[in-house]
Amino acid sequence: MTTVNIKDAKNRLNELVRKTESGEIVTITRNGRPVADIVPHKKKGGTDWEAGYRYMREHGIDFSGELAPDWDDPLPEDFLITPLPADYGKPKPSKK
């Protein structure tokens, strides 16, 4: 691990970046105290969609992966202003 002060880091940035490209971590200090690290870039993994599809096929899950074309259209105004029924959210009596 290389340690350099901030003034030297500014003047030697290309050299320090080359070191990190080879896997080394460079610590930058100000007044002898570490303030930053230059580290090698790591690729982000992302989502393995193929693994998800494979899992669904193996477990018999049917998902076409398509949404209705109007799934994000605004709701009609009459739907939005219609009050909910008085018993909305209340438990239903059980049938015996």
N, C-alpha and C. Protein backbone atom coordinates (compact mmCIF):
# COMPACT_ATOMS: atom_id res chain seq x y z
N MET A 1 0.85 -1.18 0.00
CA MET A 1 0.00 0.00 0.00
C MET A 1 0.89 1.23 0.00
N THR A 2 0.59 2.15 -0.91
CA THR A 2 1.36 3.38 -1.05
C THR A 2 0.63 4.51 -0.33
N THR A 3 1.39 5.36 0.35
CA THR A 3 0.83 6.52 1.02
C THR A 3 1.53 7.77 0.50
N VAL A 4 0.76 8.76 0.07
CA VAL A 4 1.33 10.01 -0.43
C VAL A 4 0.53 11.18 0.12
N ASN A 5 1.22 12.34 0.26
CA ASN A 5 0.47 13.50 0.71
C ASN A 5 -0.29 14.10 -0.47
N ILE A 6 -1.24 14.95 -0.17
CA ILE A 6 -2.17 15.42 -1.20
C ILE A 6 -1.47 16.21 -2.30
N LYS A 7 -0.42 16.97 -1.94
CA LYS A 7 0.31 17.75 -2.94
C LYS A 7 1.03 16.84 -3.92
N ASP A 8 1.70 15.80 -3.39
CA ASP A 8 2.38 14.84 -4.27
C ASP A 8 1.37 14.06 -5.12
N ALA A 9 0.22 13.74 -4.54
CA ALA A 9 -0.79 12.99 -5.28
C ALA A 9 -1.27 13.79 -6.48
N LYS A 10 -1.41 15.09 -6.28
CA LYS A 10 -1.84 15.95 -7.39
C LYS A 10 -0.81 15.93 -8.52
N ASN A 11 0.45 15.97 -8.16
CA ASN A 11 1.52 16.01 -9.16
C ASN A 11 1.79 14.65 -9.78
N ARG A 12 1.47 13.55 -9.08
CA ARG A 12 1.79 12.20 -9.56
C ARG A 12 0.55 11.37 -9.85
N LEU A 13 -0.57 12.02 -10.17
CA LEU A 13 -1.83 11.31 -10.32
C LEU A 13 -1.75 10.18 -11.34
N ASN A 14 -1.15 10.43 -12.51
CA ASN A 14 -1.06 9.37 -13.52
C ASN A 14 -0.34 8.14 -13.00
N GLU A 15 0.76 8.35 -12.30
CA GLU A 15 1.54 7.24 -11.74
C GLU A 15 0.72 6.47 -10.70
N LEU A 16 0.00 7.20 -9.85
CA LEU A 16 -0.79 6.56 -8.80
C LEU A 16 -1.96 5.76 -9.39
N VAL A 17 -2.56 6.28 -10.45
CA VAL A 17 -3.65 5.55 -11.10
C VAL A 17 -3.11 4.27 -11.73
N ARG A 18 -1.92 4.32 -12.31
CA ARG A 18 -1.32 3.10 -12.88
C ARG A 18 -1.11 2.06 -11.78
N LYS A 19 -0.72 2.49 -10.60
CA LYS A 19 -0.53 1.55 -9.49
C LYS A 19 -1.86 0.89 -9.10
N THR A 20 -2.92 1.69 -9.07
CA THR A 20 -4.21 1.10 -8.70
C THR A 20 -4.71 0.15 -9.79
N GLU A 21 -4.37 0.43 -11.04
CA GLU A 21 -4.76 -0.48 -12.11
C GLU A 21 -4.13 -1.85 -11.94
N SER A 22 -2.98 -1.90 -11.28
CA SER A 22 -2.33 -3.19 -11.03
C SER A 22 -2.79 -3.82 -9.72
N GLY A 23 -3.79 -3.19 -9.07
CA GLY A 23 -4.37 -3.79 -7.87
C GLY A 23 -3.95 -3.16 -6.56
N GLU A 24 -3.07 -2.20 -6.60
CA GLU A 24 -2.58 -1.58 -5.37
C GLU A 24 -3.54 -0.50 -4.89
N ILE A 25 -3.61 -0.30 -3.58
CA ILE A 25 -4.43 0.77 -2.99
C ILE A 25 -3.50 1.91 -2.60
N VAL A 26 -3.85 3.13 -2.98
CA VAL A 26 -3.05 4.31 -2.67
C VAL A 26 -3.83 5.16 -1.68
N THR A 27 -3.19 5.50 -0.55
CA THR A 27 -3.82 6.34 0.46
C THR A 27 -3.26 7.75 0.35
N ILE A 28 -4.17 8.73 0.31
CA ILE A 28 -3.77 10.13 0.24
C ILE A 28 -3.94 10.73 1.62
N THR A 29 -2.92 11.49 2.06
CA THR A 29 -2.95 12.08 3.40
C THR A 29 -2.90 13.60 3.31
N ARG A 30 -3.44 14.23 4.35
CA ARG A 30 -3.31 15.67 4.53
C ARG A 30 -2.82 15.88 5.95
N ASN A 31 -1.69 16.55 6.07
CA ASN A 31 -1.06 16.77 7.38
C ASN A 31 -0.84 15.45 8.12
N GLY A 32 -0.48 14.40 7.36
CA GLY A 32 -0.17 13.11 7.96
C GLY A 32 -1.38 12.25 8.28
N ARG A 33 -2.58 12.74 8.05
CA ARG A 33 -3.79 11.97 8.35
C ARG A 33 -4.43 11.50 7.05
N PRO A 34 -4.83 10.22 6.96
CA PRO A 34 -5.46 9.71 5.75
C PRO A 34 -6.79 10.43 5.48
N VAL A 35 -6.99 10.86 4.24
CA VAL A 35 -8.23 11.54 3.87
C VAL A 35 -8.94 10.86 2.70
N ALA A 36 -8.22 10.07 1.90
CA ALA A 36 -8.85 9.42 0.75
C ALA A 36 -8.02 8.23 0.31
N ASP A 37 -8.68 7.31 -0.38
CA ASP A 37 -8.01 6.16 -0.98
C ASP A 37 -8.31 6.14 -2.47
N ILE A 38 -7.31 5.77 -3.25
CA ILE A 38 -7.53 5.48 -4.65
C ILE A 38 -7.50 3.96 -4.74
N VAL A 39 -8.62 3.39 -5.15
CA VAL A 39 -8.75 1.93 -5.17
C VAL A 39 -9.06 1.45 -6.58
N PRO A 40 -8.73 0.20 -6.90
CA PRO A 40 -9.06 -0.34 -8.22
C PRO A 40 -10.58 -0.36 -8.41
N HIS A 41 -11.01 -0.07 -9.63
CA HIS A 41 -12.44 -0.09 -9.96
C HIS A 41 -12.94 -1.52 -10.02
N LYS A 42 -14.11 -1.76 -9.43
CA LYS A 42 -14.74 -3.08 -9.49
C LYS A 42 -15.98 -2.99 -10.34
N LYS A 43 -16.12 -3.93 -11.27
CA LYS A 43 -17.32 -3.96 -12.07
C LYS A 43 -18.50 -4.35 -11.18
N LYS A 44 -19.62 -3.70 -11.41
CA LYS A 44 -20.82 -4.05 -10.66
C LYS A 44 -21.42 -5.31 -11.25
N GLY A 45 -21.91 -6.17 -10.36
CA GLY A 45 -22.43 -7.45 -10.80
C GLY A 45 -23.72 -7.36 -11.60
N GLY A 46 -24.63 -6.55 -11.16
CA GLY A 46 -25.91 -6.45 -11.86
C GLY A 46 -26.80 -7.64 -11.55
N THR A 47 -27.91 -7.68 -12.21
CA THR A 47 -28.89 -8.74 -12.00
C THR A 47 -28.71 -9.83 -13.04
N ASP A 48 -28.68 -11.06 -12.59
CA ASP A 48 -28.55 -12.20 -13.50
C ASP A 48 -29.96 -12.64 -13.88
N TRP A 49 -30.51 -11.97 -14.91
CA TRP A 49 -31.88 -12.26 -15.33
C TRP A 49 -32.03 -13.69 -15.82
N GLU A 50 -31.03 -14.20 -16.50
CA GLU A 50 -31.13 -15.56 -17.03
C GLU A 50 -31.27 -16.57 -15.89
N ALA A 51 -30.58 -16.35 -14.79
CA ALA A 51 -30.70 -17.25 -13.64
C ALA A 51 -32.12 -17.19 -13.06
N GLY A 52 -32.72 -16.00 -13.05
CA GLY A 52 -34.09 -15.86 -12.57
C GLY A 52 -35.07 -16.61 -13.46
N TYR A 53 -34.91 -16.46 -14.78
CA TYR A 53 -35.79 -17.17 -15.70
C TYR A 53 -35.61 -18.69 -15.57
N ARG A 54 -34.36 -19.13 -15.42
CA ARG A 54 -34.09 -20.56 -15.27
C ARG A 54 -34.77 -21.10 -13.99
N TYR A 55 -34.68 -20.35 -12.90
CA TYR A 55 -35.32 -20.75 -11.64
C TYR A 55 -36.83 -20.89 -11.83
N MET A 56 -37.43 -19.90 -12.50
CA MET A 56 -38.88 -19.94 -12.71
C MET A 56 -39.29 -21.14 -13.57
N ARG A 57 -38.52 -21.43 -14.60
CA ARG A 57 -38.83 -22.60 -15.44
C ARG A 57 -38.71 -23.88 -14.65
N GLU A 58 -37.64 -24.00 -13.84
CA GLU A 58 -37.42 -25.22 -13.06
C GLU A 58 -38.51 -25.45 -12.02
N HIS A 59 -39.12 -24.38 -11.53
CA HIS A 59 -40.14 -24.49 -10.49
C HIS A 59 -41.56 -24.33 -11.03
N GLY A 60 -41.69 -24.35 -12.34
CA GLY A 60 -43.01 -24.31 -12.95
C GLY A 60 -43.74 -22.98 -12.79
N ILE A 61 -43.01 -21.92 -12.62
CA ILE A 61 -43.63 -20.61 -12.47
C ILE A 61 -43.82 -20.01 -13.86
N ASP A 62 -45.07 -19.68 -14.19
CA ASP A 62 -45.36 -19.12 -15.50
C ASP A 62 -45.44 -17.60 -15.39
N PHE A 63 -44.53 -16.94 -16.05
CA PHE A 63 -44.52 -15.48 -16.05
C PHE A 63 -44.07 -15.02 -17.42
N SER A 64 -44.98 -14.38 -18.12
CA SER A 64 -44.64 -13.95 -19.48
C SER A 64 -43.74 -12.73 -19.46
N GLY A 65 -43.73 -11.99 -18.36
CA GLY A 65 -42.87 -10.83 -18.25
C GLY A 65 -43.39 -9.61 -18.97
N GLU A 66 -44.65 -9.62 -19.36
CA GLU A 66 -45.20 -8.48 -20.08
C GLU A 66 -46.25 -7.79 -19.24
N LEU A 67 -46.27 -6.47 -19.31
CA LEU A 67 -47.27 -5.66 -18.62
C LEU A 67 -48.28 -5.16 -19.64
N ALA A 68 -49.45 -4.86 -19.17
CA ALA A 68 -50.45 -4.28 -20.06
C ALA A 68 -49.93 -2.93 -20.55
N PRO A 69 -50.22 -2.56 -21.79
CA PRO A 69 -49.68 -1.31 -22.33
C PRO A 69 -50.13 -0.08 -21.55
N ASP A 70 -51.27 -0.16 -20.85
CA ASP A 70 -51.76 1.01 -20.12
C ASP A 70 -51.52 0.92 -18.61
N TRP A 71 -50.56 0.11 -18.18
CA TRP A 71 -50.39 -0.12 -16.74
C TRP A 71 -50.07 1.14 -15.97
N ASP A 72 -49.47 2.14 -16.61
CA ASP A 72 -49.12 3.35 -15.89
C ASP A 72 -49.96 4.56 -16.30
N ASP A 73 -51.06 4.32 -17.01
CA ASP A 73 -51.96 5.43 -17.36
C ASP A 73 -52.64 5.96 -16.09
N PRO A 74 -52.96 7.25 -16.08
CA PRO A 74 -53.67 7.79 -14.91
C PRO A 74 -55.02 7.11 -14.74
N LEU A 75 -55.44 6.98 -13.49
CA LEU A 75 -56.76 6.40 -13.21
C LEU A 75 -57.85 7.40 -13.59
N PRO A 76 -59.02 6.92 -13.99
CA PRO A 76 -60.10 7.84 -14.33
C PRO A 76 -60.55 8.63 -13.10
N GLU A 77 -60.97 9.86 -13.33
CA GLU A 77 -61.34 10.73 -12.21
C GLU A 77 -62.51 10.17 -11.41
N ASP A 78 -63.51 9.57 -12.08
CA ASP A 78 -64.64 9.03 -11.34
C ASP A 78 -64.22 7.89 -10.42
N PHE A 79 -63.20 7.15 -10.79
CA PHE A 79 -62.69 6.09 -9.92
C PHE A 79 -62.03 6.71 -8.69
N LEU A 80 -61.32 7.81 -8.89
CA LEU A 80 -60.59 8.42 -7.79
C LEU A 80 -61.51 9.12 -6.79
N ILE A 81 -62.66 9.65 -7.25
CA ILE A 81 -63.53 10.38 -6.32
C ILE A 81 -64.65 9.53 -5.74
N THR A 82 -64.78 8.28 -6.19
CA THR A 82 -65.82 7.40 -5.65
C THR A 82 -65.42 6.97 -4.23
N PRO A 83 -66.28 7.22 -3.25
CA PRO A 83 -65.92 6.82 -1.88
C PRO A 83 -65.90 5.31 -1.73
N LEU A 84 -65.11 4.86 -0.79
CA LEU A 84 -65.04 3.43 -0.50
C LEU A 84 -66.30 2.99 0.23
N PRO A 85 -66.69 1.72 0.12
CA PRO A 85 -67.86 1.25 0.86
C PRO A 85 -67.66 1.41 2.37
N ALA A 86 -68.75 1.55 3.10
CA ALA A 86 -68.68 1.78 4.55
C ALA A 86 -67.98 0.63 5.27
N ASP A 87 -68.09 -0.59 4.76
CA ASP A 87 -67.49 -1.74 5.45
C ASP A 87 -66.09 -2.06 4.92
N TYR A 88 -65.51 -1.17 4.14
CA TYR A 88 -64.18 -1.43 3.58
C TYR A 88 -63.17 -1.58 4.71
N GLY A 89 -62.40 -2.63 4.68
CA GLY A 89 -61.35 -2.86 5.66
C GLY A 89 -61.81 -3.53 6.93
N LYS A 90 -63.11 -3.72 7.09
CA LYS A 90 -63.62 -4.38 8.29
C LYS A 90 -63.65 -5.89 8.04
N PRO A 91 -63.40 -6.69 9.07
CA PRO A 91 -63.44 -8.14 8.88
C PRO A 91 -64.83 -8.62 8.46
N LYS A 92 -64.86 -9.56 7.57
CA LYS A 92 -66.12 -10.15 7.11
C LYS A 92 -66.57 -11.21 8.11
N PRO A 93 -67.87 -11.32 8.36
CA PRO A 93 -68.32 -12.41 9.27
C PRO A 93 -68.03 -13.75 8.65
N SER A 94 -67.59 -14.68 9.47
CA SER A 94 -67.26 -16.00 8.96
C SER A 94 -68.54 -16.80 8.73
N LYS A 95 -68.50 -17.62 7.70
CA LYS A 95 -69.65 -18.47 7.38
C LYS A 95 -69.48 -19.81 8.09
N LYS A 96 -70.50 -20.25 8.82
CA LYS A 96 -70.40 -21.53 9.54
C LYS A 96 -71.39 -22.50 9.02
